[in-house]
Amino acid sequence: MIQSLDPRQIRRAFSRAAPVYAATAVLQAEVRARLLERLDYVERPPARILDLGCGPGQAARRLKQRWPAAEVVAIDLALPMLREARRELRPFRRFARVCADVRALPVAEASCDVLFSSLCFQWIDALPALLAELRRVLRPDGMLLFSTFGQGTLAELRAAFEAADPGQPHVSRFAHIQQIGDALLEAGFRDPVLDSDRFVLTYPHARDLMLDLRAIGAVNALAGRRRALTGPRRMQRVFEAYEAFRRDGRLPASYEVVYAHAWGPRPGQPRRVGGTEVVSFPVSALRRRRA
């Protein structure tokens, strides 16, 4: 969200991770379950739901189980993830899988009732542009629900890399919860509600953390990253710096998870396109105005 990211590197990493992601991404499964609980705020059955950054499709399956009559569209940047989602969603008839960038959705304006996304948005470095696109496709009074990593995520790993390899980007910097809330309001979403959880995973060695991150596709995707492999001496310095965080024989890896939900604009509420305000009306309202 904060630094320039390389979408090709992100696509490659998650494509490689697709076959083992569901079995490996334990924290992601817990966050997804907590975000799904917020669906209770959806007041009426939706007709169309987008699962943005769907991964292997576990959330899309839960969404379909909750609202069988809805059209659930699973969207991901990595095609192998959608192949995994096909297996996950095989029992259901009415669903679609779309390989697309969530910043440019192949979806008509004001055509979606619920936008759901768990731990995808931290891989997008232009939050205002992303939220503008989500508002474009959300129907009036539709709902956006998402989780993303916050500022405190992987603070120990970032500090270890900065100590061992100063000046080189290795770990993304994530948005503060206040920045996320402000961006939602600026994009025109109504009544945003945000809160956060802190998780701490522990490992016997920093190498085990890095192997876990690689297995789920969470690699260094910063555009300014060093293209050559990090050498063994430098990695040894990273491991030594990480040792400063060891407690009770284990190394911590902290994650701050931000949860947010907000509603789309009411009919007639202006939205901004560039510097211009555009007012949207339901079709029935437009017909009355023409009359």
Protein backbone atom coordinates (compact mmCIF):
# COMPACT_ATOMS: atom_id res chain seq x y z
CA MET A 1 0.00 0.00 0.00
CA ILE A 2 2.87 2.37 0.81
CA GLN A 3 5.76 1.43 -1.48
CA SER A 4 5.89 0.62 -5.17
CA LEU A 5 5.22 -3.08 -5.75
CA ASP A 6 5.93 -5.29 -8.76
CA PRO A 7 2.67 -7.04 -9.81
CA ARG A 8 4.58 -9.52 -12.00
CA GLN A 9 6.59 -10.70 -9.01
CA ILE A 10 3.38 -10.98 -6.97
CA ARG A 11 1.72 -13.05 -9.70
CA ARG A 12 4.72 -15.36 -10.00
CA ALA A 13 5.00 -15.89 -6.25
CA PHE A 14 1.34 -16.74 -5.71
CA SER A 15 1.27 -18.91 -8.81
CA ARG A 16 4.09 -21.01 -7.33
CA ALA A 17 2.37 -21.12 -3.94
CA ALA A 18 -1.05 -22.15 -5.25
CA PRO A 19 -0.77 -25.98 -4.81
CA VAL A 20 0.21 -25.74 -1.12
CA TYR A 21 -1.37 -22.45 -0.08
CA ALA A 22 -4.52 -23.88 1.52
CA ALA A 23 -2.53 -26.28 3.68
CA THR A 24 0.15 -23.76 4.65
CA ALA A 25 -1.60 -20.42 5.20
CA VAL A 26 -2.73 -20.98 8.81
CA LEU A 27 -2.87 -17.32 9.86
CA GLN A 28 -4.68 -16.42 6.64
CA ALA A 29 -7.34 -19.04 7.41
CA GLU A 30 -7.95 -17.57 10.87
CA VAL A 31 -8.21 -14.03 9.52
CA ARG A 32 -10.58 -15.18 6.79
CA ALA A 33 -12.84 -16.86 9.37
CA ARG A 34 -12.98 -13.70 11.46
CA LEU A 35 -13.80 -11.56 8.43
CA LEU A 36 -16.56 -13.95 7.34
CA GLU A 37 -18.26 -13.37 10.70
CA ARG A 38 -18.85 -9.77 9.64
CA LEU A 39 -21.21 -10.91 6.90
CA ASP A 40 -23.92 -10.65 9.55
CA TYR A 41 -23.92 -6.92 8.79
CA VAL A 42 -25.27 -7.61 5.28
CA GLU A 43 -28.95 -6.82 5.65
CA ARG A 44 -30.46 -8.48 2.57
CA PRO A 45 -29.44 -11.40 0.37
CA PRO A 46 -26.99 -10.18 -2.29
CA ALA A 47 -27.40 -10.99 -5.96
CA ARG A 48 -23.71 -10.69 -6.90
CA ILE A 49 -20.64 -11.07 -4.69
CA LEU A 50 -17.01 -10.58 -5.65
CA ASP A 51 -14.29 -12.41 -3.72
CA LEU A 52 -11.25 -10.26 -4.50
CA GLY A 53 -7.90 -12.01 -4.27
CA CYS A 54 -9.77 -15.26 -3.78
CA GLY A 55 -6.73 -17.54 -3.59
CA PRO A 56 -7.76 -21.21 -3.69
CA GLY A 57 -11.42 -20.33 -3.09
CA GLN A 58 -12.20 -21.13 0.56
CA ALA A 59 -13.97 -17.82 1.17
CA ALA A 60 -15.86 -18.06 -2.12
CA ARG A 61 -17.14 -21.48 -1.02
CA ARG A 62 -18.35 -20.07 2.30
CA LEU A 63 -20.03 -17.15 0.55
CA LYS A 64 -21.83 -19.54 -1.79
CA GLN A 65 -22.95 -21.72 1.10
CA ARG A 66 -24.36 -18.70 2.91
CA TRP A 67 -26.21 -17.32 -0.14
CA PRO A 68 -26.85 -20.21 -2.59
CA ALA A 69 -28.88 -18.05 -4.99
CA ALA A 70 -26.16 -15.41 -5.34
CA GLU A 71 -23.67 -15.21 -8.19
CA VAL A 72 -20.25 -15.52 -6.56
CA VAL A 73 -17.33 -14.36 -8.68
CA ALA A 74 -13.86 -15.48 -7.57
CA ILE A 75 -11.16 -13.07 -8.79
CA ASP A 76 -7.41 -13.51 -8.51
CA LEU A 77 -4.29 -12.23 -10.24
CA ALA A 78 -2.69 -15.70 -10.30
CA LEU A 79 -4.25 -18.20 -12.70
CA PRO A 80 -3.03 -21.28 -10.73
CA MET A 81 -4.96 -20.01 -7.70
CA LEU A 82 -8.13 -20.03 -9.81
CA ARG A 83 -7.40 -23.61 -10.86
CA GLU A 84 -7.29 -24.52 -7.16
CA ALA A 85 -10.52 -22.58 -6.63
CA ARG A 86 -12.20 -24.61 -9.36
CA ARG A 87 -11.73 -27.74 -7.24
CA GLU A 88 -12.94 -25.95 -4.12
CA LEU A 89 -16.08 -24.68 -5.87
CA ARG A 90 -16.85 -27.75 -7.97
CA PRO A 91 -20.05 -28.70 -6.04
CA PHE A 92 -21.68 -25.37 -6.91
CA ARG A 93 -23.24 -24.47 -10.22
CA ARG A 94 -23.53 -20.69 -10.25
CA PHE A 95 -20.08 -19.25 -9.81
CA ALA A 96 -17.41 -17.70 -12.01
CA ARG A 97 -13.62 -17.51 -11.84
CA VAL A 98 -11.91 -14.48 -13.34
CA CYS A 99 -8.18 -13.81 -13.66
CA ALA A 100 -7.89 -10.06 -13.21
CA ASP A 101 -6.18 -7.24 -11.37
CA VAL A 102 -8.51 -5.87 -8.69
CA ARG A 103 -7.44 -2.34 -9.64
CA ALA A 104 -9.16 -2.76 -13.04
CA LEU A 105 -12.11 -5.09 -12.58
CA PRO A 106 -13.89 -6.39 -15.72
CA VAL A 107 -17.21 -5.66 -14.04
CA ALA A 108 -19.95 -3.16 -14.90
CA GLU A 109 -20.46 -0.07 -12.80
CA ALA A 110 -22.77 -0.44 -9.79
CA SER A 111 -23.30 -4.17 -10.43
CA CYS A 112 -22.15 -5.81 -7.17
CA ASP A 113 -23.89 -6.06 -3.80
CA VAL A 114 -20.97 -7.33 -1.69
CA LEU A 115 -17.22 -6.94 -2.20
CA PHE A 116 -15.23 -9.32 0.01
CA SER A 117 -11.45 -9.52 0.27
CA SER A 118 -9.23 -11.16 2.86
CA LEU A 119 -5.53 -10.26 2.99
CA CYS A 120 -5.21 -9.11 -0.60
CA PHE A 121 -5.05 -5.31 -0.43
CA GLN A 122 -1.59 -5.16 1.17
CA TRP A 123 -0.27 -6.32 -2.21
CA ILE A 124 -1.59 -3.15 -3.89
CA ASP A 125 0.42 0.04 -3.54
CA ALA A 126 -2.22 2.55 -4.66
CA LEU A 127 -4.99 2.33 -2.08
CA PRO A 128 -6.94 5.42 -3.25
CA ALA A 129 -7.07 4.11 -6.84
CA LEU A 130 -8.13 0.67 -5.61
CA LEU A 131 -10.94 2.07 -3.47
CA ALA A 132 -12.13 4.26 -6.34
CA GLU A 133 -12.43 1.14 -8.50
CA LEU A 134 -14.29 -0.74 -5.78
CA ARG A 135 -16.72 2.11 -5.34
CA ARG A 136 -17.29 2.12 -9.10
CA VAL A 137 -18.52 -1.48 -9.16
CA LEU A 138 -20.44 -1.43 -5.86
CA ARG A 139 -24.18 -0.87 -6.01
CA PRO A 140 -25.75 1.92 -3.97
CA ASP A 141 -25.94 0.74 -0.36
CA GLY A 142 -23.78 -2.29 -1.20
CA MET A 143 -21.13 -3.43 1.29
CA LEU A 144 -17.34 -3.67 1.18
CA LEU A 145 -15.63 -6.00 3.68
CA PHE A 146 -11.90 -6.57 3.76
CA SER A 147 -8.91 -7.42 5.90
CA THR A 148 -5.36 -6.29 5.27
CA PHE A 149 -2.06 -6.19 7.10
CA GLY A 150 -1.36 -3.11 9.18
CA GLN A 151 1.70 -1.14 10.19
CA GLY A 152 3.00 -3.54 12.84
CA THR A 153 3.25 -6.56 10.55
CA LEU A 154 6.62 -8.35 10.43
CA ALA A 155 8.28 -5.58 12.42
CA GLU A 156 10.94 -7.97 13.74
CA LEU A 157 11.88 -9.24 10.29
CA ARG A 158 12.03 -5.72 8.91
CA ALA A 159 14.29 -4.58 11.75
CA ALA A 160 16.61 -7.56 11.25
CA PHE A 161 16.98 -6.85 7.53
CA GLU A 162 17.54 -3.14 8.16
CA ALA A 163 20.31 -3.98 10.63
CA ALA A 164 21.96 -6.49 8.31
CA ASP A 165 21.46 -4.76 4.96
CA PRO A 166 20.76 -1.05 5.58
CA GLY A 167 19.22 0.96 2.78
CA GLN A 168 17.92 -2.06 0.84
CA PRO A 169 14.14 -2.80 0.78
CA HIS A 170 13.29 -6.33 1.89
CA VAL A 171 9.98 -6.14 3.79
CA SER A 172 7.01 -4.02 2.73
CA ARG A 173 5.80 -1.21 4.94
CA PHE A 174 2.09 -1.47 5.58
CA ALA A 175 -0.52 1.24 6.06
CA HIS A 176 -1.59 2.54 9.45
CA ILE A 177 -5.22 1.83 10.37
CA GLN A 178 -5.91 5.58 10.35
CA GLN A 179 -4.66 5.85 6.77
CA ILE A 180 -7.02 3.08 5.70
CA GLY A 181 -10.00 4.73 7.38
CA ASP A 182 -9.17 8.11 5.85
CA ALA A 183 -8.83 6.53 2.40
CA LEU A 184 -12.28 4.91 2.71
CA LEU A 185 -13.88 8.25 3.58
CA GLU A 186 -11.99 10.06 0.82
CA ALA A 187 -13.20 7.47 -1.71
CA GLY A 188 -16.80 8.14 -0.69
CA PHE A 189 -17.62 5.01 1.32
CA ARG A 190 -20.13 5.52 4.11
CA ASP A 191 -19.87 4.70 7.80
CA PRO A 192 -16.57 2.79 7.75
CA VAL A 193 -15.86 0.61 10.78
CA LEU A 194 -12.28 -0.52 11.41
CA ASP A 195 -10.56 -2.50 14.12
CA SER A 196 -7.48 -4.65 14.39
CA ASP A 197 -6.06 -7.85 15.86
CA ARG A 198 -2.47 -8.66 16.72
CA PHE A 199 -1.15 -12.14 16.10
CA VAL A 200 2.27 -13.47 17.07
CA LEU A 201 3.58 -16.64 15.44
CA THR A 202 6.74 -18.17 16.88
CA TYR A 203 9.57 -20.11 15.24
CA PRO A 204 12.70 -21.94 16.38
CA HIS A 205 14.77 -20.13 13.72
CA ALA A 206 14.31 -17.11 11.44
CA ARG A 207 14.92 -19.42 8.48
CA ASP A 208 11.66 -21.25 9.30
CA LEU A 209 9.70 -17.99 9.15
CA MET A 210 11.15 -17.17 5.74
CA LEU A 211 10.34 -20.63 4.42
CA ASP A 212 6.75 -20.21 5.62
CA LEU A 213 6.47 -16.82 3.93
CA ARG A 214 7.83 -18.18 0.66
CA ALA A 215 5.46 -21.16 0.78
CA ILE A 216 2.40 -18.88 0.84
CA GLY A 217 3.76 -16.49 -1.81
CA ALA A 218 4.70 -13.68 0.59
CA VAL A 219 8.04 -12.82 -1.01
CA ASN A 220 9.79 -9.50 -1.47
CA ALA A 221 7.80 -7.83 -4.26
CA LEU A 222 9.09 -4.29 -3.77
CA ALA A 223 9.92 -2.70 -7.11
CA GLY A 224 13.22 -1.38 -5.72
CA ARG A 225 14.40 -4.72 -4.37
CA ARG A 226 17.87 -6.05 -5.18
CA ARG A 227 17.44 -8.44 -8.11
CA ALA A 228 20.29 -10.75 -7.13
CA LEU A 229 19.79 -13.42 -4.48
CA THR A 230 20.67 -12.42 -0.95
CA GLY A 231 24.04 -14.01 -0.24
CA PRO A 232 24.68 -16.46 2.62
CA ARG A 233 26.81 -14.00 4.58
CA ARG A 234 24.13 -11.32 4.46
CA MET A 235 21.46 -13.83 5.42
CA GLN A 236 23.59 -14.94 8.35
CA ARG A 237 23.69 -11.32 9.52
CA VAL A 238 19.89 -11.20 9.24
CA PHE A 239 19.58 -14.35 11.36
CA GLU A 240 21.96 -12.92 13.95
CA ALA A 241 20.04 -9.62 14.12
CA TYR A 242 16.74 -11.47 14.52
CA GLU A 243 18.13 -13.25 17.59
CA ALA A 244 17.68 -10.02 19.59
CA PHE A 245 13.93 -10.77 19.60
CA ARG A 246 14.17 -14.32 20.96
CA ARG A 247 11.98 -14.95 23.99
CA ASP A 248 11.50 -18.22 25.87
CA GLY A 249 13.52 -20.03 23.25
CA ARG A 250 11.37 -18.91 20.29
CA LEU A 251 11.51 -16.10 17.72
CA PRO A 252 8.33 -14.04 17.28
CA ALA A 253 6.79 -12.87 14.01
CA SER A 254 4.17 -10.19 14.68
CA TYR A 255 1.20 -9.46 12.46
CA GLU A 256 -1.24 -6.58 12.77
CA VAL A 257 -4.46 -7.35 10.90
CA VAL A 258 -6.89 -4.55 10.09
CA TYR A 259 -10.53 -5.42 9.45
CA ALA A 260 -12.81 -2.94 7.74
CA HIS A 261 -16.33 -2.78 6.45
CA ALA A 262 -18.14 0.15 4.86
CA TRP A 263 -21.14 0.84 2.69
CA GLY A 264 -21.35 2.23 -0.80
CA PRO A 265 -22.90 5.58 -1.62
CA ARG A 266 -26.62 6.13 -1.35
CA PRO A 267 -28.47 6.70 -4.65
CA GLY A 268 -27.82 10.27 -5.72
CA GLN A 269 -24.63 10.69 -3.66
CA PRO A 270 -21.93 12.25 -5.87
CA ARG A 271 -18.78 10.33 -6.62
CA ARG A 272 -15.50 11.77 -7.86
CA VAL A 273 -13.87 10.92 -11.17
CA GLY A 274 -10.63 12.83 -11.21
CA GLY A 275 -11.63 16.32 -10.08
CA THR A 276 -15.21 16.02 -11.32
CA GLU A 277 -18.24 15.03 -9.26
CA VAL A 278 -20.60 12.56 -10.94
CA VAL A 279 -24.06 11.89 -9.53
CA SER A 280 -25.53 8.38 -9.89
CA PHE A 281 -29.27 7.64 -9.88
CA PRO A 282 -31.12 4.32 -10.05
CA VAL A 283 -32.70 3.58 -13.43
CA SER A 284 -36.21 4.26 -12.10
CA ALA A 285 -35.10 7.67 -10.89
CA LEU A 286 -33.58 8.48 -14.27
CA ARG A 287 -36.83 7.57 -16.01
CA ARG A 288 -38.80 9.84 -13.69
CA ARG A 289 -36.36 12.69 -14.36
CA ARG A 290 -36.71 12.26 -18.12
CA ALA A 291 -40.49 12.33 -17.78
